[in-house]
């Protein structure tokens, strides 16, 4: 049902920077190479830009990486003047936190298409009470 399918490589098949759960930037190295016609994400975006604007955004992956790191450093420099004391007047003690019950088994498109995850969801929703739940 898709209008277009891009031959993207999995995240394990490309070098890149990822943000971990602590919000820290980590460099990741590919564990294997993309199969057949699959390409790294930056190469696909570069080819799309060339088709639309008749020019590439980056000449190679190293140029993209240095541009990314320069942007991060500029952002850090720009926001160095902000101190935690600038927020001392903010109070959140009367705020209500709403938590949505997210269905873990259907949290992404791959999980929603998986028969195994459908079985997991069914098992969770059709859980029988045994009397030992506490």
Protein backbone atom coordinates (compact mmCIF):
# COMPACT_ATOMS: atom_id res chain seq x y z
CA UNK A 1 0.00 0.00 0.00
CA UNK A 2 3.05 2.29 0.04
CA UNK A 3 3.55 4.94 -2.62
CA UNK A 4 7.30 4.62 -2.41
CA UNK A 5 9.70 2.22 -0.74
CA UNK A 6 13.22 3.40 0.02
CA UNK A 7 15.98 0.77 0.23
CA UNK A 8 17.16 1.76 3.71
CA UNK A 9 19.63 -0.26 5.70
CA UNK A 10 18.89 -1.35 9.26
CA UNK A 11 20.55 0.66 12.03
CA UNK A 12 22.94 -2.24 12.60
CA UNK A 13 24.07 -1.96 8.97
CA UNK A 14 25.24 1.66 9.08
CA UNK A 15 27.61 3.82 11.06
CA UNK A 16 26.00 6.70 12.87
CA UNK A 17 25.33 8.67 16.00
CA UNK A 18 22.51 7.69 18.33
CA UNK A 19 21.19 9.23 21.52
CA UNK A 20 21.10 6.79 24.42
CA UNK A 21 18.49 6.73 27.20
CA UNK A 22 20.52 9.26 29.20
CA UNK A 23 20.41 11.70 26.28
CA UNK A 24 24.11 11.27 25.51
CA UNK A 25 25.36 11.06 21.95
CA UNK A 26 27.04 7.76 21.11
CA UNK A 27 28.84 6.71 17.97
CA UNK A 28 27.77 3.32 16.66
CA UNK A 29 29.60 1.19 14.13
CA UNK A 30 27.91 -1.11 11.64
CA UNK A 31 27.80 -4.76 12.55
CA UNK A 32 27.30 -5.91 8.95
CA UNK A 33 26.84 -4.50 5.48
CA UNK A 34 23.45 -3.74 3.89
CA UNK A 35 22.17 -6.48 1.58
CA UNK A 36 21.77 -6.04 -2.18
CA UNK A 37 20.50 -2.54 -3.11
CA UNK A 38 19.99 -1.29 0.45
CA UNK A 39 21.81 1.96 1.30
CA UNK A 40 22.62 3.93 4.40
CA UNK A 41 20.03 6.58 5.30
CA UNK A 42 22.34 9.52 4.59
CA UNK A 43 23.03 8.20 1.07
CA UNK A 44 19.30 7.91 0.30
CA UNK A 45 18.62 11.47 1.54
CA UNK A 46 21.60 12.71 -0.45
CA UNK A 47 20.29 11.08 -3.64
CA UNK A 48 16.80 12.53 -3.06
CA UNK A 49 18.31 16.01 -2.59
CA UNK A 50 20.31 15.59 -5.79
CA UNK A 51 17.20 14.53 -7.72
CA UNK A 52 15.18 17.51 -6.39
CA UNK A 53 17.79 20.28 -6.20
CA UNK A 54 20.40 18.97 -8.67
CA UNK A 55 23.03 19.04 -5.92
CA UNK A 56 24.07 16.75 -3.10
CA UNK A 57 23.85 17.85 0.51
CA UNK A 58 27.12 16.15 1.48
CA UNK A 59 30.02 14.74 -0.52
CA UNK A 60 30.58 11.85 1.86
CA UNK A 61 29.69 10.50 5.32
CA UNK A 62 32.63 12.28 6.97
CA UNK A 63 31.36 15.66 5.77
CA UNK A 64 27.92 14.86 7.21
CA UNK A 65 29.45 13.79 10.55
CA UNK A 66 31.55 16.95 10.87
CA UNK A 67 28.52 19.11 10.01
CA UNK A 68 26.45 17.32 12.65
CA UNK A 69 29.11 17.75 15.33
CA UNK A 70 29.57 21.44 14.41
CA UNK A 71 25.83 22.02 14.81
CA UNK A 72 25.85 20.33 18.21
CA UNK A 73 28.82 22.43 19.36
CA UNK A 74 27.12 25.64 18.16
CA UNK A 75 23.97 24.71 20.06
CA UNK A 76 25.96 24.03 23.24
CA UNK A 77 27.84 27.35 22.93
CA UNK A 78 24.62 29.26 22.29
CA UNK A 79 22.90 27.78 25.35
CA UNK A 80 25.84 27.94 27.78
CA UNK A 81 24.49 31.17 29.25
CA UNK A 82 21.33 29.42 30.47
CA UNK A 83 21.71 28.40 34.10
CA UNK A 84 19.46 26.27 36.26
CA UNK A 85 18.90 29.32 38.49
CA UNK A 86 17.02 30.93 35.55
CA UNK A 87 14.22 28.44 36.26
CA UNK A 88 13.96 28.93 40.05
CA UNK A 89 10.53 30.59 39.80
CA UNK A 90 8.97 27.67 37.94
CA UNK A 91 6.83 25.46 40.15
CA UNK A 92 5.24 22.21 39.06
CA UNK A 93 3.84 20.95 42.35
CA UNK A 94 0.18 21.27 41.22
CA UNK A 95 0.70 19.64 37.82
CA UNK A 96 -1.22 16.50 36.92
CA UNK A 97 0.76 13.80 35.15
CA UNK A 98 -1.27 11.77 32.70
CA UNK A 99 0.10 8.40 31.72
CA UNK A 100 -1.25 6.71 28.64
CA UNK A 101 -1.30 2.97 28.73
CA UNK A 102 0.86 2.15 25.74
CA UNK A 103 0.48 -1.27 24.27
CA UNK A 104 4.09 -2.47 24.24
CA UNK A 105 3.28 -5.32 21.88
CA UNK A 106 2.02 -2.87 19.22
CA UNK A 107 4.48 -0.04 19.86
CA UNK A 108 5.90 0.09 16.31
CA UNK A 109 5.08 -0.94 12.77
CA UNK A 110 7.24 -4.07 12.86
CA UNK A 111 5.64 -5.29 16.09
CA UNK A 112 2.14 -4.62 14.70
CA UNK A 113 2.93 -6.79 11.65
CA UNK A 114 4.34 -9.65 13.73
CA UNK A 115 2.27 -12.77 14.41
CA UNK A 116 4.37 -13.43 17.53
CA UNK A 117 3.55 -9.98 18.94
CA UNK A 118 -0.14 -10.53 18.12
CA UNK A 119 0.03 -13.76 20.13
CA UNK A 120 1.73 -11.89 23.01
CA UNK A 121 -0.96 -9.20 22.97
CA UNK A 122 -3.71 -11.82 22.91
CA UNK A 123 -2.09 -13.68 25.81
CA UNK A 124 -1.88 -10.45 27.80
CA UNK A 125 -5.48 -9.38 27.17
CA UNK A 126 -6.94 -12.87 27.69
CA UNK A 127 -5.02 -13.49 30.92
CA UNK A 128 -6.96 -15.86 33.15
CA UNK A 129 -7.12 -15.23 36.84
CA UNK A 130 -5.53 -18.08 38.80
CA UNK A 131 -6.13 -16.74 42.29
CA UNK A 132 -2.38 -16.40 42.95
CA UNK A 133 -2.02 -12.84 41.67
CA UNK A 134 -1.82 -11.40 45.16
